[in-house]
N, C-alpha and C. Protein backbone atom coordinates (compact mmCIF):
# COMPACT_ATOMS: atom_id res chain seq x y z
N MET A 1 98.75 104.06 109.76
CA MET A 1 97.85 103.06 109.76
C MET A 1 96.89 103.41 109.20
N ALA A 2 96.05 104.44 109.29
CA ALA A 2 94.75 104.88 108.74
C ALA A 2 94.73 104.74 107.42
N PHE A 3 96.03 104.98 106.66
CA PHE A 3 96.02 105.03 105.13
C PHE A 3 96.02 103.60 104.53
N LEU A 4 96.94 102.75 105.15
CA LEU A 4 96.77 101.40 104.79
C LEU A 4 95.51 100.38 104.97
N ARG A 5 94.66 101.08 106.20
CA ARG A 5 93.20 100.36 106.41
C ARG A 5 92.37 100.89 105.46
N ARG A 6 92.30 102.00 105.16
CA ARG A 6 91.66 102.53 103.95
C ARG A 6 91.94 102.04 102.56
N LEU A 7 93.19 102.11 102.37
CA LEU A 7 93.51 101.24 100.96
C LEU A 7 93.12 99.93 100.79
N GLN A 8 93.46 99.15 102.02
CA GLN A 8 92.78 97.76 102.15
C GLN A 8 91.22 97.50 101.98
N GLU A 9 90.49 98.55 102.68
CA GLU A 9 89.00 98.57 102.31
C GLU A 9 88.70 98.92 100.99
N TYR A 10 89.40 99.95 100.30
CA TYR A 10 89.10 100.10 99.05
C TYR A 10 89.28 98.64 98.05
N LEU A 11 90.62 98.42 98.07
CA LEU A 11 90.62 97.24 97.23
C LEU A 11 89.69 96.05 97.57
N ASP A 12 89.55 95.73 98.96
CA ASP A 12 88.52 94.69 99.27
C ASP A 12 87.24 94.99 98.43
N ALA A 13 86.75 96.01 98.55
CA ALA A 13 85.59 96.66 98.06
C ALA A 13 85.47 96.25 96.38
N ASN A 14 86.56 96.56 95.96
CA ASN A 14 86.60 96.49 94.49
C ASN A 14 87.29 94.82 94.14
N HIS A 15 87.21 94.02 94.90
CA HIS A 15 87.70 92.63 94.69
C HIS A 15 89.29 92.74 93.93
N VAL A 16 89.90 93.34 94.52
CA VAL A 16 91.30 93.50 94.09
C VAL A 16 92.26 92.52 94.83
N HIS A 17 92.98 91.37 94.19
CA HIS A 17 93.67 90.78 95.06
C HIS A 17 95.12 91.16 95.26
N TYR A 18 95.26 91.20 96.73
CA TYR A 18 96.96 91.69 97.01
C TYR A 18 97.21 91.08 98.44
N GLU A 19 98.26 91.25 98.66
CA GLU A 19 98.97 90.52 99.98
C GLU A 19 99.78 91.43 100.72
N VAL A 20 99.64 91.66 101.99
CA VAL A 20 100.41 92.60 102.80
C VAL A 20 101.69 91.53 103.27
N LEU A 21 102.74 92.03 103.01
CA LEU A 21 104.07 91.50 103.51
C LEU A 21 104.97 92.27 104.01
N GLY A 22 105.64 91.69 105.21
CA GLY A 22 106.60 92.29 105.83
C GLY A 22 108.25 92.17 105.17
N HIS A 23 109.16 93.05 105.39
CA HIS A 23 110.42 92.82 104.79
C HIS A 23 111.51 93.37 105.70
N GLN A 24 112.58 93.16 105.08
CA GLN A 24 114.01 93.59 106.05
C GLN A 24 113.81 95.35 105.73
N GLU A 25 114.30 95.82 106.69
CA GLU A 25 114.49 97.31 106.45
C GLU A 25 114.93 97.98 105.10
N ALA A 26 114.08 98.70 104.60
CA ALA A 26 114.46 99.41 103.32
C ALA A 26 113.65 100.63 103.21
N TYR A 27 114.32 101.81 102.52
CA TYR A 27 113.84 102.94 102.64
C TYR A 27 113.01 103.40 101.26
N THR A 28 113.14 102.84 100.15
CA THR A 28 112.65 103.23 98.96
C THR A 28 111.61 101.82 98.26
N ALA A 29 110.82 102.16 97.60
CA ALA A 29 110.12 100.79 97.04
C ALA A 29 110.89 100.19 96.13
N PRO A 30 111.88 100.79 95.11
CA PRO A 30 112.81 99.86 94.66
C PRO A 30 113.67 98.94 95.48
N GLU A 31 113.91 99.40 96.72
CA GLU A 31 114.95 98.63 97.72
C GLU A 31 114.04 97.56 98.35
N ILE A 32 112.76 97.73 98.34
CA ILE A 32 112.04 96.64 98.94
C ILE A 32 111.64 95.72 98.02
N ALA A 33 111.15 96.26 96.67
CA ALA A 33 111.18 95.41 95.52
C ALA A 33 112.33 94.29 95.38
N HIS A 34 113.61 94.61 95.28
CA HIS A 34 114.87 94.18 95.15
C HIS A 34 114.93 93.06 96.42
N THR A 35 114.62 93.41 97.40
CA THR A 35 114.75 92.50 98.88
C THR A 35 113.57 91.31 98.74
N LEU A 36 112.58 91.74 98.21
CA LEU A 36 111.48 90.65 98.08
C LEU A 36 111.60 89.89 96.75
N ARG A 37 112.34 90.34 95.87
CA ARG A 37 112.83 89.68 94.53
C ARG A 37 111.62 89.86 93.56
N VAL A 38 110.76 90.96 93.69
CA VAL A 38 109.71 91.18 92.65
C VAL A 38 109.87 92.50 91.92
N SER A 39 109.10 92.70 90.99
CA SER A 39 109.09 93.65 90.12
C SER A 39 108.82 95.10 90.93
N GLY A 40 109.18 96.32 90.85
CA GLY A 40 108.79 97.47 91.39
C GLY A 40 107.47 97.91 91.04
N LYS A 41 106.87 97.26 89.87
CA LYS A 41 105.41 97.62 89.28
C LYS A 41 104.57 96.89 90.06
N MET A 42 104.85 95.76 90.79
CA MET A 42 103.97 94.92 91.74
C MET A 42 103.86 95.38 93.24
N LEU A 43 104.24 96.48 93.58
CA LEU A 43 104.18 96.69 94.92
C LEU A 43 103.88 98.31 95.18
N ALA A 44 103.29 98.62 96.33
CA ALA A 44 103.03 99.90 96.66
C ALA A 44 103.35 99.85 97.89
N LYS A 45 104.25 101.03 98.43
CA LYS A 45 104.77 101.03 99.90
C LYS A 45 103.76 101.95 100.81
N ALA A 46 103.44 101.04 101.80
CA ALA A 46 102.59 102.02 102.94
C ALA A 46 103.33 102.66 103.86
N PRO A 47 102.73 103.62 104.50
CA PRO A 47 103.36 104.65 105.17
C PRO A 47 103.76 103.91 106.55
N ARG A 48 103.26 102.88 107.08
CA ARG A 48 103.93 102.41 108.37
C ARG A 48 105.03 101.58 108.12
N LYS A 49 105.95 101.76 108.85
CA LYS A 49 107.25 101.04 108.31
C LYS A 49 106.97 99.37 108.48
N GLY A 50 107.68 98.91 107.50
CA GLY A 50 107.67 97.29 107.16
C GLY A 50 106.35 96.88 106.34
N ASP A 51 105.45 97.66 106.06
CA ASP A 51 104.31 97.36 105.16
C ASP A 51 104.48 97.71 103.71
N ILE A 52 104.15 96.69 102.90
CA ILE A 52 103.74 96.95 101.54
C ILE A 52 102.67 96.40 100.95
N LEU A 53 102.33 96.61 100.06
CA LEU A 53 100.99 95.97 99.39
C LEU A 53 101.52 95.33 98.19
N LEU A 54 101.24 94.01 97.81
CA LEU A 54 101.80 93.28 96.71
C LEU A 54 100.49 92.92 95.66
N PHE A 55 100.54 93.72 94.46
CA PHE A 55 99.38 93.47 93.60
C PHE A 55 99.80 92.43 92.61
């Protein structure tokens, strides 16, 4: 959770638009991207189960 919070603070400080989304259980970033129907280049997987950042 600390990583996600630090990353969000960094993105906010630099005025980067992002969304935090929940998703079905998946183990890799490509699986999550497929589940959300987005490009794998558009997301970063956070360490806390169920959270990703969508850019």
